[in-house]
Protein backbone atom coordinates (compact mmCIF):
# COMPACT_ATOMS: atom_id res chain seq x y z
CA MET A 1 117.13 77.12 45.17
CA ASP A 2 119.10 77.75 41.97
CA SER A 3 119.55 81.49 41.41
CA ALA A 4 118.36 81.31 37.78
CA LEU A 5 115.24 79.41 38.86
CA LEU A 6 114.51 82.05 41.50
CA VAL A 7 114.89 84.87 38.97
CA HIS A 8 112.63 83.13 36.44
CA ARG A 9 109.97 82.56 39.09
CA ILE A 10 110.10 86.19 40.25
CA HIS A 11 110.02 87.32 36.61
CA PHE A 12 106.86 85.37 35.80
CA ALA A 13 105.26 86.23 39.14
CA PHE A 14 105.76 89.94 38.47
CA THR A 15 104.47 89.90 34.90
CA ILE A 16 101.40 87.78 35.65
CA THR A 17 100.51 89.72 38.82
CA PHE A 18 100.72 93.04 36.97
CA HIS A 19 98.78 91.62 34.02
CA TYR A 20 95.92 90.31 36.15
CA LEU A 21 95.20 93.78 37.51
CA PHE A 22 93.42 94.43 34.20
CA PRO A 23 91.46 91.26 33.24
CA GLN A 24 89.86 90.98 36.66
CA LEU A 25 88.16 94.34 36.11
CA THR A 26 87.13 93.62 32.51
CA MET A 27 85.65 90.25 33.53
CA GLY A 28 83.99 91.90 36.51
CA LEU A 29 82.56 94.87 34.60
CA ALA A 30 81.30 92.84 31.62
CA PRO A 31 78.15 91.43 33.30
CA LEU A 32 77.47 94.76 35.03
CA ILE A 33 77.54 96.59 31.69
CA VAL A 34 75.01 94.05 30.37
CA ILE A 35 72.81 94.79 33.39
CA LEU A 36 73.02 98.53 32.72
CA LYS A 37 72.19 98.03 29.02
CA THR A 38 69.29 95.71 29.88
CA ILE A 39 67.71 98.26 32.23
CA ALA A 40 68.32 101.03 29.69
CA LEU A 41 66.60 99.02 26.96
CA ARG A 42 63.61 98.00 29.06
CA ARG A 43 63.01 101.47 30.51
CA ASN A 44 64.16 103.38 27.43
CA ASP A 45 66.25 105.39 29.90
CA GLU A 46 69.10 107.44 28.44
CA THR A 47 70.76 107.77 31.85
CA TYR A 48 71.40 104.02 31.96
CA HIS A 49 72.69 104.14 28.39
CA GLN A 50 75.15 106.84 29.47
CA ALA A 51 76.18 104.74 32.48
CA ALA A 52 76.85 101.74 30.22
CA ARG A 53 78.88 103.88 27.78
CA PHE A 54 80.96 105.27 30.64
CA TRP A 55 81.88 101.86 32.00
CA ALA A 56 82.49 100.52 28.51
CA LYS A 57 85.24 103.13 28.16
CA ILE A 58 86.81 102.00 31.44
CA PHE A 59 86.43 98.42 30.19
CA GLY A 60 88.16 99.34 26.92
CA ILE A 61 91.14 100.91 28.68
CA ASN A 62 91.55 97.84 30.88
CA PHE A 63 91.17 95.54 27.89
CA LEU A 64 93.92 97.38 26.02
CA PHE A 65 96.38 97.17 28.90
CA GLY A 66 95.44 93.55 29.52
CA VAL A 67 96.40 92.71 25.94
CA VAL A 68 99.66 94.69 26.10
CA THR A 69 100.76 92.99 29.31
CA GLY A 70 99.39 89.54 28.44
CA ILE A 71 101.24 88.92 25.18
CA PRO A 72 104.78 89.10 26.68
CA MET A 73 103.66 86.79 29.46
CA GLU A 74 102.80 84.03 27.01
CA PHE A 75 106.17 84.41 25.27
CA GLN A 76 107.79 83.63 28.63
CA PHE A 77 106.62 80.04 28.28
CA GLY A 78 109.20 79.71 25.52
CA THR A 79 111.93 82.03 26.79
CA ASN A 80 111.95 81.32 30.53
CA TRP A 81 110.08 78.00 30.82
CA SER A 82 111.03 76.07 27.70
CA HIS A 83 111.34 72.70 29.45
CA PHE A 84 107.84 73.08 30.85
CA SER A 85 106.50 74.10 27.42
CA ARG A 86 108.14 71.06 25.81
CA PHE A 87 106.73 68.79 28.53
CA ALA A 88 103.15 70.08 28.79
CA GLY A 89 102.68 72.01 25.54
CA GLY A 90 100.74 69.15 23.94
CA VAL A 91 97.95 69.83 26.46
CA ILE A 92 98.08 73.46 27.52
CA GLY A 93 98.79 74.56 23.95
CA GLN A 94 95.23 73.49 23.16
CA THR A 95 93.60 75.64 25.84
CA LEU A 96 95.80 78.67 25.19
CA ALA A 97 95.05 78.46 21.47
CA MET A 98 91.30 78.21 22.14
CA GLU A 99 91.53 81.25 24.39
CA GLY A 100 92.98 83.29 21.56
CA VAL A 101 90.84 81.97 18.70
CA PHE A 102 87.44 81.53 20.34
CA SER A 103 87.28 84.13 23.08
CA PHE A 104 89.83 86.91 22.56
CA PHE A 105 88.65 87.60 18.98
CA LEU A 106 85.01 87.44 20.07
CA GLU A 107 85.59 89.89 22.89
CA SER A 108 87.74 92.33 20.91
CA ALA A 109 85.51 92.36 17.80
CA PHE A 110 82.29 93.03 19.67
CA LEU A 111 83.96 95.51 22.01
CA GLY A 112 84.65 97.61 18.93
CA LEU A 113 80.99 97.33 17.90
CA PHE A 114 79.81 98.25 21.39
CA LEU A 115 82.11 101.27 21.70
CA TYR A 116 81.75 102.68 18.20
CA GLY A 117 78.68 101.10 16.61
CA GLU A 118 75.81 102.29 18.78
CA LYS A 119 74.59 104.81 16.19
CA ARG A 120 74.80 102.20 13.42
CA LEU A 121 73.15 99.34 15.31
CA SER A 122 69.61 98.94 16.51
CA PRO A 123 69.15 99.11 20.31
CA ARG A 124 68.72 95.34 20.51
CA ALA A 125 71.76 94.68 18.31
CA HIS A 126 73.82 96.99 20.51
CA TRP A 127 72.61 95.04 23.56
CA TRP A 128 73.74 91.83 21.86
CA SER A 129 77.18 93.35 21.29
CA ALA A 130 77.43 93.96 25.05
CA MET A 131 76.37 90.35 25.67
CA ALA A 132 79.01 89.10 23.21
CA VAL A 133 81.70 91.11 25.03
CA PHE A 134 80.55 89.56 28.29
CA LEU A 135 80.60 86.03 26.85
CA GLY A 136 84.00 86.60 25.23
CA SER A 137 85.61 87.90 28.40
CA TRP A 138 84.22 85.07 30.53
CA LEU A 139 85.11 82.45 27.92
CA SER A 140 88.64 83.83 27.87
CA GLY A 141 88.81 83.46 31.63
CA PHE A 142 87.56 79.88 31.36
CA PHE A 143 90.31 78.74 28.98
CA ILE A 144 93.01 80.38 31.10
CA ILE A 145 91.60 78.75 34.23
CA LEU A 146 91.45 75.44 32.34
CA THR A 147 95.18 75.77 31.66
CA ASP A 148 96.00 76.45 35.30
CA ALA A 149 93.62 73.74 36.50
CA PHE A 150 95.51 71.16 34.42
CA MET A 151 98.70 72.22 36.20
CA GLN A 152 96.91 71.88 39.56
CA HIS A 153 95.02 68.65 38.81
CA PRO A 154 96.21 67.06 35.53
CA VAL A 155 93.58 64.99 33.69
CA GLY A 156 92.92 63.87 30.11
CA TYR A 157 96.55 63.31 29.16
CA SER A 158 98.85 60.49 28.12
CA LYS A 159 102.62 60.28 28.00
CA ALA A 160 104.38 60.17 24.64
CA VAL A 161 107.49 58.12 23.91
CA ASP A 162 109.71 61.14 24.60
CA GLY A 163 108.08 61.62 28.01
CA SER A 164 106.05 64.69 27.05
CA LEU A 165 102.35 65.00 27.81
CA GLN A 166 99.78 64.76 25.01
CA LEU A 167 96.06 65.40 25.13
CA SER A 168 94.20 62.10 25.14
CA SER A 169 90.70 63.19 26.14
CA PHE A 170 89.42 66.66 25.24
CA TRP A 171 86.24 66.25 27.27
CA GLU A 172 88.08 65.02 30.35
CA LEU A 173 90.23 68.16 30.14
CA ILE A 174 87.18 70.43 29.69
CA LEU A 175 85.23 68.73 32.49
CA ASN A 176 88.12 68.79 34.97
CA PRO A 177 86.28 69.27 38.30
CA TRP A 178 89.12 71.41 39.62
CA ALA A 179 88.66 73.83 36.70
CA TRP A 180 84.95 74.40 37.31
CA TRP A 181 85.32 75.19 41.00
CA GLN A 182 88.37 77.36 40.35
CA TYR A 183 86.57 79.14 37.51
CA ALA A 184 83.48 79.87 39.60
CA HIS A 185 85.62 81.16 42.46
CA ASN A 186 87.79 83.29 40.19
CA MET A 187 84.92 84.86 38.27
CA SER A 188 83.07 85.61 41.47
CA GLY A 189 86.19 87.44 42.67
CA ALA A 190 86.33 89.37 39.38
CA VAL A 191 82.73 90.54 39.76
CA ILE A 192 83.51 91.66 43.30
CA THR A 193 86.30 93.79 41.84
CA GLY A 194 83.96 95.24 39.20
CA SER A 195 81.22 95.87 41.76
CA ILE A 196 83.45 97.61 44.28
CA VAL A 197 85.12 99.73 41.59
CA MET A 198 81.70 100.78 40.26
CA ALA A 199 80.36 101.54 43.74
CA SER A 200 83.57 103.36 44.65
CA VAL A 201 83.39 105.67 41.64
CA GLY A 202 79.71 106.32 42.35
CA ALA A 203 80.52 107.13 45.98
CA PHE A 204 83.25 109.52 44.80
CA TYR A 205 80.78 111.38 42.60
CA LEU A 206 78.20 111.60 45.39
CA LEU A 207 80.73 112.89 47.92
CA TRP A 208 81.97 115.52 45.47
CA GLU A 209 78.40 116.27 44.31
CA LYS A 210 79.06 115.44 40.65
CA PHE A 211 76.87 113.41 38.25
CA ALA A 212 74.54 112.53 41.12
CA THR A 213 71.95 110.67 39.04
CA HIS A 214 74.53 108.40 37.45
CA ALA A 215 76.38 108.03 40.75
CA ARG A 216 73.29 106.59 42.42
CA ILE A 217 73.05 104.01 39.63
CA PHE A 218 76.72 103.08 40.07
CA VAL A 219 76.38 102.69 43.83
CA ARG A 220 73.12 100.76 43.62
CA VAL A 221 74.31 98.28 41.00
CA GLY A 222 77.72 97.94 42.64
CA VAL A 223 76.35 97.27 46.11
CA VAL A 224 73.67 94.76 45.06
CA SER A 225 76.01 92.77 42.79
CA GLY A 226 78.84 93.11 45.31
CA LEU A 227 76.72 91.61 48.07
CA ILE A 228 75.56 88.68 45.91
CA PHE A 229 79.03 87.75 44.70
CA SER A 230 80.75 88.34 48.05
CA VAL A 231 78.46 85.70 49.53
CA LEU A 232 79.01 83.40 46.54
CA GLN A 233 82.76 83.84 46.97
CA LEU A 234 82.47 82.32 50.42
CA PHE A 235 79.87 79.67 49.59
CA PRO A 236 79.61 77.66 47.50
CA THR A 237 82.62 78.63 45.33
CA GLY A 238 85.19 79.11 48.09
CA ASP A 239 83.97 76.06 49.97
CA GLY A 240 84.04 73.93 46.82
CA GLN A 241 87.54 75.06 45.88
CA GLY A 242 88.76 74.41 49.42
CA ARG A 243 87.41 70.87 49.38
CA MET A 244 89.10 70.22 46.02
CA ILE A 245 92.40 71.21 47.62
CA ALA A 246 91.76 69.00 50.63
CA LEU A 247 90.99 65.97 48.46
CA ASN A 248 93.72 66.42 45.83
CA GLN A 249 96.46 68.50 47.48
CA PRO A 250 96.32 67.71 51.22
CA ALA A 251 99.85 69.02 51.80
CA THR A 252 98.73 72.36 50.35
CA LEU A 253 95.79 72.56 52.74
CA ALA A 254 98.05 71.79 55.69
CA ALA A 255 100.44 74.57 54.66
CA MET A 256 97.62 77.07 54.06
CA GLU A 257 96.41 76.50 57.61
CA ALA A 258 99.94 75.97 59.02
CA LEU A 259 98.70 72.65 60.40
CA PHE A 260 101.97 71.01 61.32
CA VAL A 261 100.54 67.98 63.15
CA SER A 262 97.83 65.64 61.84
CA GLN A 263 94.87 65.55 64.19
CA PRO A 264 91.17 64.77 64.50
CA GLY A 265 88.96 67.77 65.12
CA ALA A 266 91.47 70.16 63.56
CA PRO A 267 90.90 73.84 64.41
CA LEU A 268 90.44 76.68 61.92
CA ILE A 269 93.07 79.37 62.46
CA ILE A 270 91.67 82.91 62.32
CA LEU A 271 94.82 84.76 63.40
CA GLY A 272 98.32 83.70 64.36
CA GLN A 273 101.88 83.52 63.11
CA PRO A 274 103.37 80.27 61.77
CA ASN A 275 106.54 79.34 63.67
CA LEU A 276 108.43 77.12 61.24
CA ASN A 277 111.30 76.37 63.59
CA GLU A 278 109.06 75.02 66.36
CA ARG A 279 106.35 73.89 63.93
CA LYS A 280 103.45 75.57 65.65
CA ILE A 281 101.22 78.66 65.47
CA ASP A 282 102.18 81.53 67.77
CA ASN A 283 99.41 83.60 69.38
CA PRO A 284 96.62 81.58 67.77
CA LEU A 285 93.02 82.70 67.54
CA GLN A 286 91.18 79.60 66.40
CA VAL A 287 87.79 77.96 66.08
CA PRO A 288 88.01 74.42 67.52
CA GLN A 289 87.21 71.54 65.13
CA ALA A 290 86.05 73.96 62.40
CA LEU A 291 88.66 72.90 59.82
CA SER A 292 87.62 69.26 60.13
CA PHE A 293 83.97 70.17 59.65
CA LEU A 294 84.54 72.53 56.72
CA THR A 295 86.79 70.00 54.97
CA TYR A 296 85.05 66.69 55.64
CA ARG A 297 81.68 67.75 57.13
CA ALA A 298 82.50 65.97 60.39
CA TRP A 299 83.63 67.71 63.59
CA LYS A 300 86.04 64.93 64.57
CA ALA A 301 87.41 64.12 61.10
CA GLN A 302 91.13 63.46 60.79
CA VAL A 303 92.97 66.21 58.89
CA GLN A 304 96.47 65.51 57.63
CA GLY A 305 99.13 67.93 58.81
CA LEU A 306 102.52 68.60 57.26
CA ASP A 307 103.99 65.81 59.38
CA ALA A 308 102.14 63.33 57.15
CA PHE A 309 104.25 64.29 54.13
CA SER A 310 107.91 64.22 53.28
CA PRO A 311 109.43 67.72 53.61
CA ASP A 312 110.40 67.67 49.93
CA LEU A 313 106.66 67.62 49.12
CA TRP A 314 105.86 70.65 51.27
CA PRO A 315 105.08 73.98 49.59
CA GLN A 316 108.35 75.89 49.56
CA ASN A 317 107.25 79.13 51.22
CA ILE A 318 104.80 78.14 53.93
CA ALA A 319 104.77 81.52 55.66
CA LEU A 320 103.90 83.47 52.50
CA LEU A 321 101.31 80.85 51.53
CA TYR A 322 99.72 81.03 54.98
CA TYR A 323 99.57 84.83 55.04
CA SER A 324 98.32 85.22 51.46
CA TYR A 325 95.54 82.71 52.13
CA HIS A 326 94.46 84.46 55.31
CA ILE A 327 94.59 87.88 53.65
CA MET A 328 92.29 86.57 50.93
CA VAL A 329 89.83 85.06 53.41
CA GLY A 330 89.98 88.06 55.74
CA LEU A 331 89.29 90.58 52.98
CA GLY A 332 86.52 88.40 51.59
CA THR A 333 84.84 88.44 55.00
CA ILE A 334 85.23 92.23 55.20
CA PHE A 335 83.61 92.59 51.75
CA ILE A 336 80.56 90.68 52.96
CA ALA A 337 80.28 92.95 56.00
CA ILE A 338 80.67 96.15 53.95
CA MET A 339 78.15 95.10 51.33
CA LEU A 340 75.63 93.87 53.90
CA LEU A 341 75.77 97.20 55.70
CA ALA A 342 75.60 99.18 52.45
CA ALA A 343 72.69 97.07 51.17
CA TRP A 344 70.81 97.61 54.44
CA LEU A 345 71.27 101.38 54.14
CA LEU A 346 70.20 101.20 50.48
CA TRP A 347 67.06 99.28 51.42
CA ARG A 348 66.23 101.91 54.04
CA GLY A 349 66.83 104.72 51.56
CA LYS A 350 69.72 106.22 53.54
CA LEU A 351 72.80 105.09 51.64
CA PHE A 352 73.13 108.05 49.29
CA SER A 353 73.12 110.53 52.17
CA ALA A 354 75.33 108.47 54.52
CA ASP A 355 78.68 110.14 53.84
CA TRP A 356 80.57 107.82 56.19
CA MET A 357 79.38 104.75 54.25
CA LEU A 358 80.19 106.41 50.94
CA TRP A 359 83.72 107.03 52.23
CA VAL A 360 83.99 103.33 53.13
CA LEU A 361 82.87 102.31 49.64
CA MET A 362 85.23 104.76 47.98
CA LEU A 363 88.26 103.75 50.04
CA ALA A 364 87.51 100.04 49.50
CA LEU A 365 88.57 100.32 45.84
CA PRO A 366 92.09 98.80 46.09
CA PHE A 367 91.18 95.91 48.38
CA PRO A 368 89.55 93.52 45.87
CA TYR A 369 92.75 93.78 43.82
CA ILE A 370 94.72 92.81 46.91
CA ALA A 371 92.33 89.95 47.69
CA ASN A 372 92.44 88.55 44.14
CA THR A 373 96.23 88.80 44.04
CA ALA A 374 96.47 87.04 47.41
CA GLY A 375 94.14 84.33 46.10
CA TRP A 376 96.33 83.66 43.07
CA ILE A 377 99.46 83.66 45.22
CA THR A 378 97.75 81.05 47.39
CA ALA A 379 96.90 78.89 44.37
CA GLU A 380 100.34 79.05 42.77
CA LEU A 381 102.44 78.76 45.94
CA GLY A 382 100.21 75.96 47.13
CA ARG A 383 101.00 73.88 44.03
CA GLN A 384 104.74 74.00 44.73
CA PRO A 385 107.11 72.22 44.49
CA TRP A 386 105.23 71.02 41.39
CA LEU A 387 104.84 72.83 38.09
CA VAL A 388 102.39 70.17 36.91
CA TYR A 389 101.16 68.58 40.11
CA GLY A 390 102.68 65.16 40.66
CA LEU A 391 104.26 65.09 37.19
CA MET A 392 106.87 67.84 36.85
CA ARG A 393 108.72 69.76 39.51
CA THR A 394 109.21 73.50 39.15
CA ALA A 395 112.99 73.06 39.30
CA ASP A 396 112.82 70.94 36.14
CA GLY A 397 110.72 73.31 34.06
CA TYR A 398 112.75 76.48 33.56
CA SER A 399 115.09 77.30 30.66
CA LYS A 400 118.49 76.06 31.76
CA MET A 401 120.34 78.04 29.07
CA VAL A 402 118.95 81.41 30.29
CA SER A 403 121.22 82.58 33.10
CA ALA A 404 120.18 84.43 36.22
CA GLY A 405 121.86 87.58 34.85
CA ASN A 406 119.90 87.46 31.61
CA GLY A 407 116.68 86.88 33.50
CA MET A 408 117.40 89.76 35.88
CA PHE A 409 118.22 92.09 32.96
CA THR A 410 114.87 91.46 31.28
CA LEU A 411 113.06 91.64 34.63
CA LEU A 412 114.47 95.13 35.22
CA GLY A 413 113.38 96.07 31.71
CA PHE A 414 109.83 94.86 32.42
CA LEU A 415 109.81 96.75 35.72
CA GLY A 416 110.64 99.97 33.89
CA MET A 417 108.17 99.47 31.04
CA TYR A 418 105.33 98.40 33.32
CA THR A 419 105.91 101.40 35.57
CA VAL A 420 105.35 103.64 32.54
CA LEU A 421 102.30 101.59 31.53
CA GLY A 422 100.89 101.84 35.06
CA ILE A 423 101.24 105.63 35.07
CA LEU A 424 99.62 105.86 31.62
CA PHE A 425 96.76 103.61 32.74
CA LEU A 426 96.05 105.74 35.82
CA PHE A 427 96.15 108.89 33.70
CA LEU A 428 93.64 107.53 31.16
CA VAL A 429 91.24 106.21 33.82
CA HIS A 430 91.50 109.46 35.80
CA ARG A 431 90.68 111.40 32.66
CA GLU A 432 87.55 109.34 32.00
CA ILE A 433 86.37 109.65 35.60
CA ASP A 434 87.02 113.39 35.49
CA HIS A 435 84.98 113.71 32.28
CA GLY A 436 82.21 111.63 33.80
CA PRO A 437 79.38 109.65 32.20
CA VAL A 438 77.90 112.66 30.35
CA ALA A 439 81.10 114.14 28.94
CA GLU A 440 79.76 114.06 25.37
CA ILE A 441 76.64 116.00 26.32
CA ASN A 442 78.65 118.61 28.18
CA LEU A 443 80.93 119.09 25.17
CA ALA A 444 77.98 119.27 22.77
CA SER A 445 76.32 121.98 24.87
CA LYS A 446 79.48 124.05 24.49
CA GLY A 447 79.45 123.67 20.73
CA ILE A 448 82.59 121.54 20.67
């Protein structure tokens, strides 16, 4: 691989991976904040209002850092990937523009109203501001997913005289079946992040005997929503996305499962190490015929292995693709187990006093971030060697005039700046958690 191409790929991978640490929590918290506001409004319960205000502050911090890290990422389309922008800009420029105009402004405007307008708005109007933030954040996610889905499964385009792609059917682009399955799967993963973070903070408060009333709300809402969306992440969203890959990117599916040889009744690999030299799985733990059934709903169905495709069409890093996919699936399965157990204890009225389970919930906090990152690595590595699947190779899309040295220089600069941003983010979130959901009341009681 050309050294400049490698640097540009690492550069974009770093910036987008760091950036997505923030939107996944805002998109995950948005519906949970609406739930808290809805309960508060129906019960006229100030405790739920306080809970919603607390998580809105965490949402606001994440939103701010998402904006700061997202803007440079979009500039990279022109600086690092100019050939790709020239080729596909006639299509993806539409979705990226709609994300900014229709969703980002909606989300940011009503977030300001929600955070600072509660005393000026009626209770119902304030609830509607929370709903608008939710709709804006999820609409933003949809347009970004729509952009990526076009790169995975291009539809609704035509080729211009100069060879570039132009949008020919807006509705075909919007109704791209790949986009809808990917969107459902992605947003389900975001809510899992929001649910586990909320439950984790609640568990922390309960273990340290702080803000107990609010902590029980956090744990209850986090566990119930976490269980629902952990199951949805497996089925139908994960199943639907997997079948889209099997039908449209069979080489990707083969690499994800390290299936080197086409075969009927293909097994599902649970554990094992891909041996690329001998083209086999070492130390396999597998479920016989399960991959055939999950993919084609038939135990003996033929599944294409990597041997069915020319090596130049294989994903370029099969080992990393295989491991990232299995990390995603493995953590998703663990989330279901954790949330099932926590929900059972909640139903029996024992969760809030079960310190061991509270420790599990608290320590689970980083793992949805790992799972979501592994999922995106799977999606983007799986598309290789294509930048726009079947239309433009990755090697043809980067800026040829930007040398590897220039790319490395800016990458090091981003590493330094994002390290500072990461520290600042942790400081701000820690401060809000330390203040707790009733910080204003505590300050008021002291005459501050």
